[in-house]
PDB file of N, CA and C in Angstrom:
ATOM      1  N   UNK A   1    -108.197  44.008 150.893  1.00  0.00           N
ATOM      2  CA  UNK A   1    -107.415  45.303 151.956  1.00  0.00           C
ATOM      3  C   UNK A   1    -105.827  45.243 151.117  1.00  0.00           C
ATOM      4  N   UNK A   2    -105.398  44.261 150.854  1.00  0.00           N
ATOM      5  CA  UNK A   2    -103.487  44.665 150.531  1.00  0.00           C
ATOM      6  C   UNK A   2    -103.902  44.585 148.713  1.00  0.00           C
ATOM      7  N   UNK A   3    -105.223  44.320 147.886  1.00  0.00           N
ATOM      8  CA  UNK A   3    -105.182  44.285 146.669  1.00  0.00           C
ATOM      9  C   UNK A   3    -105.057  45.691 146.347  1.00  0.00           C
ATOM     10  N   UNK A   4    -105.839  46.424 147.230  1.00  0.00           N
ATOM     11  CA  UNK A   4    -105.851  47.798 147.972  1.00  0.00           C
ATOM     12  C   UNK A   4    -104.816  48.993 147.659  1.00  0.00           C
ATOM     13  N   UNK A   5    -104.350  48.060 148.109  1.00  0.00           N
ATOM     14  CA  UNK A   5    -103.152  48.921 149.409  1.00  0.00           C
ATOM     15  C   UNK A   5    -102.006  49.048 148.500  1.00  0.00           C
ATOM     16  N   UNK A   6    -102.322  48.334 146.998  1.00  0.00           N
ATOM     17  CA  UNK A   6    -100.498  47.472 146.075  1.00  0.00           C
ATOM     18  C   UNK A   6    -101.471  48.480 144.879  1.00  0.00           C
ATOM     19  N   UNK A   7    -102.853  48.744 144.481  1.00  0.00           N
ATOM     20  CA  UNK A   7    -102.964  49.404 143.464  1.00  0.00           C
ATOM     21  C   UNK A   7    -102.668  51.804 144.423  1.00  0.00           C
ATOM     22  N   UNK A   8    -103.021  51.693 145.144  1.00  0.00           N
ATOM     23  CA  UNK A   8    -102.692  52.775 145.318  1.00  0.00           C
ATOM     24  C   UNK A   8    -101.117  53.361 144.437  1.00  0.00           C
ATOM     25  N   UNK A   9     -99.840  52.041 144.660  1.00  0.00           N
ATOM     26  CA  UNK A   9     -98.837  53.044 144.045  1.00  0.00           C
ATOM     27  C   UNK A   9     -98.712  52.947 142.391  1.00  0.00           C
ATOM     28  N   UNK A  10     -99.585  51.735 141.750  1.00  0.00           N
ATOM     29  CA  UNK A  10     -99.350  52.942 140.387  1.00  0.00           C
ATOM     30  C   UNK A  10    -100.447  53.820 140.049  1.00  0.00           C
ATOM     31  N   UNK A  11    -101.764  54.110 140.682  1.00  0.00           N
ATOM     32  CA  UNK A  11    -102.433  55.724 141.102  1.00  0.00           C
ATOM     33  C   UNK A  11    -101.131  56.531 140.667  1.00  0.00           C
ATOM     34  N   UNK A  12    -100.839  56.464 142.155  1.00  0.00           N
ATOM     35  CA  UNK A  12     -99.660  57.258 142.077  1.00  0.00           C
ATOM     36  C   UNK A  12     -98.504  57.389 141.361  1.00  0.00           C
ATOM     37  N   UNK A  13     -97.704  56.283 140.785  1.00  0.00           N
ATOM     38  CA  UNK A  13     -97.282  56.288 139.569  1.00  0.00           C
ATOM     39  C   UNK A  13     -98.077  57.095 138.152  1.00  0.00           C
ATOM     40  N   UNK A  14     -99.287  56.721 138.117  1.00  0.00           N
ATOM     41  CA  UNK A  14     -99.600  57.823 137.255  1.00  0.00           C
ATOM     42  C   UNK A  14    -100.015  59.246 137.263  1.00  0.00           C
ATOM     43  N   UNK A  15    -100.453  59.498 138.157  1.00  0.00           N
ATOM     44  CA  UNK A  15     -99.991  60.649 139.036  1.00  0.00           C
ATOM     45  C   UNK A  15     -99.074  61.909 138.695  1.00  0.00           C
ATOM     46  N   UNK A  16     -98.146  61.152 139.037  1.00  0.00           N
ATOM     47  CA  UNK A  16     -97.195  61.740 139.007  1.00  0.00           C
ATOM     48  C   UNK A  16     -96.289  62.177 137.354  1.00  0.00           C
ATOM     49  N   UNK A  17     -96.439  60.724 136.571  1.00  0.00           N
ATOM     50  CA  UNK A  17     -96.588  60.537 134.584  1.00  0.00           C
ATOM     51  C   UNK A  17     -97.188  62.326 134.958  1.00  0.00           C
ATOM     52  N   UNK A  18     -98.027  62.366 135.338  1.00  0.00           N
ATOM     53  CA  UNK A  18     -98.997  63.496 134.087  1.00  0.00           C
ATOM     54  C   UNK A  18     -98.525  64.790 134.729  1.00  0.00           C
ATOM     55  N   UNK A  19     -98.893  64.815 136.389  1.00  0.00           N
ATOM     56  CA  UNK A  19     -98.199  66.067 136.642  1.00  0.00           C
ATOM     57  C   UNK A  19     -96.751  66.631 136.309  1.00  0.00           C
ATOM     58  N   UNK A  20     -95.578  65.107 136.008  1.00  0.00           N
ATOM     59  CA  UNK A  20     -94.933  65.934 134.648  1.00  0.00           C
ATOM     60  C   UNK A  20     -94.757  66.036 133.914  1.00  0.00           C
ATOM     61  N   UNK A  21     -96.306  65.593 132.800  1.00  0.00           N
ATOM     62  CA  UNK A  21     -96.038  66.331 131.555  1.00  0.00           C
ATOM     63  C   UNK A  21     -96.620  67.681 131.925  1.00  0.00           C
ATOM     64  N   UNK A  22     -97.259  68.184 132.976  1.00  0.00           N
ATOM     65  CA  UNK A  22     -97.801  69.088 132.794  1.00  0.00           C
ATOM     66  C   UNK A  22     -96.973  70.844 133.493  1.00  0.00           C
ATOM     67  N   UNK A  23     -96.217  69.959 134.689  1.00  0.00           N
ATOM     68  CA  UNK A  23     -95.302  70.906 134.525  1.00  0.00           C
ATOM     69  C   UNK A  23     -94.368  71.632 134.073  1.00  0.00           C
ATOM     70  N   UNK A  24     -93.941  71.286 133.123  1.00  0.00           N
ATOM     71  CA  UNK A  24     -93.339  72.480 132.276  1.00  0.00           C
ATOM     72  C   UNK A  24     -94.136  73.632 131.829  1.00  0.00           C
ATOM     73  N   UNK A  25     -95.157  73.407 131.342  1.00  0.00           N
ATOM     74  CA  UNK A  25     -95.669  74.527 130.860  1.00  0.00           C
ATOM     75  C   UNK A  25     -95.946  75.468 132.209  1.00  0.00           C
ATOM     76  N   UNK A  26     -95.778  75.783 133.495  1.00  0.00           N
ATOM     77  CA  UNK A  26     -95.681  76.795 134.667  1.00  0.00           C
ATOM     78  C   UNK A  26     -94.143  77.285 134.799  1.00  0.00           C
ATOM     79  N   UNK A  27     -93.268  77.413 133.723  1.00  0.00           N
ATOM     80  CA  UNK A  27     -91.871  77.339 133.130  1.00  0.00           C
ATOM     81  C   UNK A  27     -91.967  78.283 131.097  1.00  0.00           C
ATOM     82  N   UNK A  28     -91.736  79.901 131.677  1.00  0.00           N
ATOM     83  CA  UNK A  28     -90.942  80.566 130.665  1.00  0.00           C
ATOM     84  C   UNK A  28     -90.637  79.509 129.485  1.00  0.00           C
ATOM     85  N   UNK A  29     -90.746  79.963 128.479  1.00  0.00           N
ATOM     86  CA  UNK A  29     -89.442  78.993 127.551  1.00  0.00           C
ATOM     87  C   UNK A  29     -90.042  79.550 126.357  1.00  0.00           C
ATOM     88  N   UNK A  30     -90.099  79.091 124.778  1.00  0.00           N
ATOM     89  CA  UNK A  30     -89.905  80.596 123.637  1.00  0.00           C
ATOM     90  C   UNK A  30     -90.667  80.917 123.724  1.00  0.00           C
ATOM     91  N   UNK A  31     -91.869  80.794 124.468  1.00  0.00           N
ATOM     92  CA  UNK A  31     -93.565  82.106 123.974  1.00  0.00           C
ATOM     93  C   UNK A  31     -94.447  80.821 123.802  1.00  0.00           C
ATOM     94  N   UNK A  32     -94.023  79.514 124.128  1.00  0.00           N
ATOM     95  CA  UNK A  32     -95.800  79.319 123.803  1.00  0.00           C
ATOM     96  C   UNK A  32     -96.574  78.011 125.387  1.00  0.00           C
ATOM     97  N   UNK A  33     -95.621  78.928 126.671  1.00  0.00           N
ATOM     98  CA  UNK A  33     -96.368  77.805 127.185  1.00  0.00           C
ATOM     99  C   UNK A  33     -96.837  78.489 127.934  1.00  0.00           C
ATOM    100  N   UNK A  34     -98.047  77.686 128.900  1.00  0.00           N
ATOM    101  CA  UNK A  34     -98.691  79.102 129.449  1.00  0.00           C
ATOM    102  C   UNK A  34     -98.080  79.944 130.171  1.00  0.00           C
ATOM    103  N   UNK A  35     -96.661  79.972 131.414  1.00  0.00           N
ATOM    104  CA  UNK A  35     -96.985  80.725 131.871  1.00  0.00           C
ATOM    105  C   UNK A  35     -96.725  82.245 131.069  1.00  0.00           C
ATOM    106  N   UNK A  36     -96.374  81.960 129.856  1.00  0.00           N
ATOM    107  CA  UNK A  36     -95.841  82.422 128.983  1.00  0.00           C
ATOM    108  C   UNK A  36     -97.435  83.634 128.497  1.00  0.00           C
ATOM    109  N   UNK A  37     -98.019  82.806 128.069  1.00  0.00           N
ATOM    110  CA  UNK A  37     -99.599  82.975 127.651  1.00  0.00           C
ATOM    111  C   UNK A  37     -99.582  84.620 129.991  1.00  0.00           C
ATOM    112  N   UNK A  38     -99.319  83.725 130.480  1.00  0.00           N
ATOM    113  CA  UNK A  38    -100.589  84.508 131.730  1.00  0.00           C
ATOM    114  C   UNK A  38     -99.158  85.300 131.607  1.00  0.00           C
ATOM    115  N   UNK A  39     -98.764  85.946 131.253  1.00  0.00           N
ATOM    116  CA  UNK A  39     -96.940  86.875 131.376  1.00  0.00           C
ATOM    117  C   UNK A  39     -97.606  87.228 130.557  1.00  0.00           C
ATOM    118  N   UNK A  40     -97.881  87.598 128.964  1.00  0.00           N
ATOM    119  CA  UNK A  40     -98.221  88.661 128.659  1.00  0.00           C
ATOM    120  C   UNK A  40     -99.504  89.053 128.725  1.00  0.00           C
ATOM    121  N   UNK A  41    -100.270  88.495 129.013  1.00  0.00           N
ATOM    122  CA  UNK A  41    -102.030  88.696 129.903  1.00  0.00           C
ATOM    123  C   UNK A  41    -101.751  89.924 130.951  1.00  0.00           C
ATOM    124  N   UNK A  42    -100.441  89.660 131.626  1.00  0.00           N
ATOM    125  CA  UNK A  42    -100.341  90.922 132.771  1.00  0.00           C
ATOM    126  C   UNK A  42     -99.850  91.270 132.825  1.00  0.00           C
ATOM    127  N   UNK A  43     -99.266  91.972 130.898  1.00  0.00           N
ATOM    128  CA  UNK A  43     -98.437  92.418 130.449  1.00  0.00           C
ATOM    129  C   UNK A  43     -99.337  93.962 129.673  1.00  0.00           C
ATOM    130  N   UNK A  44    -100.125  93.638 129.154  1.00  0.00           N
ATOM    131  CA  UNK A  44    -101.367  93.861 128.413  1.00  0.00           C
ATOM    132  C   UNK A  44    -102.335  94.699 129.552  1.00  0.00           C
ATOM    133  N   UNK A  45    -102.195  93.379 130.669  1.00  0.00           N
ATOM    134  CA  UNK A  45    -103.295  94.296 131.877  1.00  0.00           C
ATOM    135  C   UNK A  45    -102.534  95.799 132.181  1.00  0.00           C
ATOM    136  N   UNK A  46    -101.462  95.850 132.455  1.00  0.00           N
ATOM    137  CA  UNK A  46    -100.301  96.705 133.083  1.00  0.00           C
ATOM    138  C   UNK A  46    -101.128  97.902 131.849  1.00  0.00           C
ATOM    139  N   UNK A  47    -100.356  97.965 130.847  1.00  0.00           N
ATOM    140  CA  UNK A  47    -100.160  98.847 129.800  1.00  0.00           C
ATOM    141  C   UNK A  47    -102.204  99.455 129.802  1.00  0.00           C
ATOM    142  N   UNK A  48    -102.996  98.672 130.032  1.00  0.00           N
ATOM    143  CA  UNK A  48    -104.229  99.215 129.346  1.00  0.00           C
ATOM    144  C   UNK A  48    -104.592 100.341 131.009  1.00  0.00           C
ATOM    145  N   UNK A  49    -104.234  99.750 132.261  1.00  0.00           N
ATOM    146  CA  UNK A  49    -103.457 100.276 133.712  1.00  0.00           C
ATOM    147  C   UNK A  49    -102.849 101.476 133.856  1.00  0.00           C
ATOM    148  N   UNK A  50    -102.122 101.464 132.942  1.00  0.00           N
ATOM    149  CA  UNK A  50    -101.527 103.499 132.558  1.00  0.00           C
ATOM    150  C   UNK A  50    -101.497 104.015 131.704  1.00  0.00           C
ATOM    151  N   UNK A  51    -103.072 103.242 131.380  1.00  0.00           N
ATOM    152  CA  UNK A  51    -102.955 104.069 129.866  1.00  0.00           C
ATOM    153  C   UNK A  51    -104.535 105.599 130.137  1.00  0.00           C
ATOM    154  N   UNK A  52    -104.463 107.156 129.719  1.00  0.00           N
ATOM    155  CA  UNK A  52    -105.225 107.715 130.101  1.00  0.00           C
ATOM    156  C   UNK A  52    -106.431 107.276 129.486  1.00  0.00           C
TER     157      UNK A  52
END
């Protein structure tokens, strides 16, 4: 049981590292982030909704 509990810390550390690598994608930057791509799709969709 203790070995399993000690392993939790290692697994949490690995998850935090992976999350830290993904987190910047949710913030707009110079146009290459996932957030920027979503914003472009939203803008295009809004323009299509306004088209006659």
